[in-house]
Amino acid sequence: MNLILLEAAASGDVFMTQLLVMVAMFALLYFLFLRPQKKKDKEVQLMRAKLEVGDEVLTRGGIIGRVVSLKDDTVLIETSGDRTKIRIARWAIEANNSAAERK
């Protein structure tokens, strides 16, 4: 009878150890990958919200242009010396080069 109780206690200890290891792995994953990515996403979203006319921006496609007008979900940018204008989605803006120069 005592042998059965010892085996049950040992299997419970193994389960708790495995559970503790899984919780520790999830915490490590969260602090190494998920939390920094969420922080970066918030910074990019704030940068897009603070765009102003005249800012020089870089799109995800690699196009560099100057902001001509802003609407809710779109931005009109001027891309070259011959004043070519492109309307792009606000989410497509990767960086605001003017904001980096102001700092």
Protein backbone atom coordinates (compact mmCIF):
# COMPACT_ATOMS: atom_id res chain seq x y z
CA MET A 1 0.00 0.00 0.00
CA ASN A 2 2.82 2.41 0.87
CA LEU A 3 4.48 1.73 -2.49
CA ILE A 4 1.36 2.88 -4.35
CA LEU A 5 1.21 6.09 -2.32
CA LEU A 6 4.88 6.80 -2.99
CA GLU A 7 4.39 6.28 -6.73
CA ALA A 8 1.38 8.62 -6.74
CA ALA A 9 3.32 11.28 -4.86
CA ALA A 10 6.26 10.93 -7.23
CA SER A 11 4.05 11.26 -10.32
CA GLY A 12 2.43 14.36 -8.78
CA ASP A 13 5.87 15.88 -8.23
CA VAL A 14 6.81 15.19 -11.86
CA PHE A 15 3.60 16.83 -13.06
CA MET A 16 4.21 19.93 -10.92
CA THR A 17 7.80 20.15 -12.17
CA GLN A 18 6.69 19.91 -15.79
CA LEU A 19 3.99 22.51 -15.18
CA LEU A 20 6.50 24.85 -13.56
CA VAL A 21 8.92 24.43 -16.49
CA MET A 22 6.16 25.20 -19.00
CA VAL A 23 5.12 28.33 -17.10
CA ALA A 24 8.76 29.47 -16.95
CA MET A 25 9.17 28.89 -20.71
CA PHE A 26 6.03 30.91 -21.46
CA ALA A 27 7.24 33.77 -19.24
CA LEU A 28 10.62 33.73 -20.99
CA LEU A 29 8.91 33.76 -24.41
CA TYR A 30 6.73 36.68 -23.34
CA PHE A 31 9.59 38.83 -22.02
CA LEU A 32 11.99 38.04 -24.90
CA PHE A 33 9.65 38.26 -27.88
CA LEU A 34 6.06 39.37 -27.29
CA ARG A 35 6.57 42.33 -24.96
CA PRO A 36 9.28 44.10 -27.05
CA GLN A 37 7.21 43.61 -30.22
CA LYS A 38 4.12 45.15 -28.60
CA LYS A 39 6.22 48.10 -27.43
CA LYS A 40 7.60 48.63 -30.94
CA ASP A 41 4.09 48.39 -32.46
CA LYS A 42 2.82 51.09 -30.07
CA GLU A 43 5.73 53.38 -30.98
CA VAL A 44 5.08 52.96 -34.72
CA GLN A 45 1.36 53.57 -34.24
CA LEU A 46 2.11 56.76 -32.29
CA MET A 47 4.55 57.91 -35.01
CA ARG A 48 1.86 57.42 -37.67
CA ALA A 49 -0.67 59.35 -35.59
CA LYS A 50 1.74 62.29 -35.19
CA LEU A 51 2.47 62.73 -38.91
CA GLU A 52 2.39 66.33 -40.12
CA VAL A 53 2.33 67.96 -43.55
CA GLY A 54 5.93 68.45 -44.70
CA ASP A 55 7.37 65.40 -42.92
CA GLU A 56 9.69 63.18 -44.93
CA VAL A 57 8.54 59.56 -44.64
CA LEU A 58 9.74 56.13 -45.69
CA THR A 59 7.15 53.56 -46.78
CA ARG A 60 7.35 49.80 -46.30
CA GLY A 61 7.98 49.50 -50.02
CA GLY A 62 11.06 51.72 -49.80
CA ILE A 63 9.54 54.89 -51.28
CA ILE A 64 10.76 58.12 -49.72
CA GLY A 65 8.49 61.13 -49.96
CA ARG A 66 7.26 64.30 -48.32
CA VAL A 67 3.74 64.41 -46.83
CA VAL A 68 1.43 66.72 -48.79
CA SER A 69 -1.92 65.97 -47.14
CA LEU A 70 -3.33 63.72 -44.44
CA LYS A 71 -6.69 62.00 -44.18
CA ASP A 72 -8.00 59.40 -41.73
CA ASP A 73 -6.55 56.28 -43.35
CA THR A 74 -4.51 57.66 -46.26
CA VAL A 75 -1.57 59.97 -46.79
CA LEU A 76 -0.67 61.83 -49.99
CA ILE A 77 3.10 62.01 -50.49
CA GLU A 78 5.24 63.80 -53.06
CA THR A 79 8.03 61.52 -54.19
CA SER A 80 10.40 63.33 -56.54
CA GLY A 81 11.63 66.60 -58.00
CA ASP A 82 8.98 66.52 -60.71
CA ARG A 83 6.29 66.58 -57.97
CA THR A 84 4.87 63.07 -58.50
CA LYS A 85 2.18 62.42 -55.88
CA ILE A 86 1.18 59.02 -54.52
CA ARG A 87 -1.70 58.24 -52.17
CA ILE A 88 -0.75 55.49 -49.73
CA ALA A 89 -2.37 53.86 -46.73
CA ARG A 90 -1.24 55.23 -43.38
CA TRP A 91 -0.24 51.72 -42.19
CA ALA A 92 2.31 51.54 -45.03
CA ILE A 93 4.50 54.25 -43.47
CA GLU A 94 7.53 52.66 -41.85
CA ALA A 95 9.47 55.67 -40.55
CA ASN A 96 9.22 59.43 -40.21
CA ASN A 97 12.67 60.77 -41.18
CA SER A 98 11.76 64.36 -40.23
CA ALA A 99 10.92 63.36 -36.66
CA ALA A 100 14.33 61.67 -36.34
CA GLU A 101 16.06 64.87 -37.53
CA ARG A 102 14.16 67.01 -34.99
CA LYS A 103 15.53 65.07 -32.01
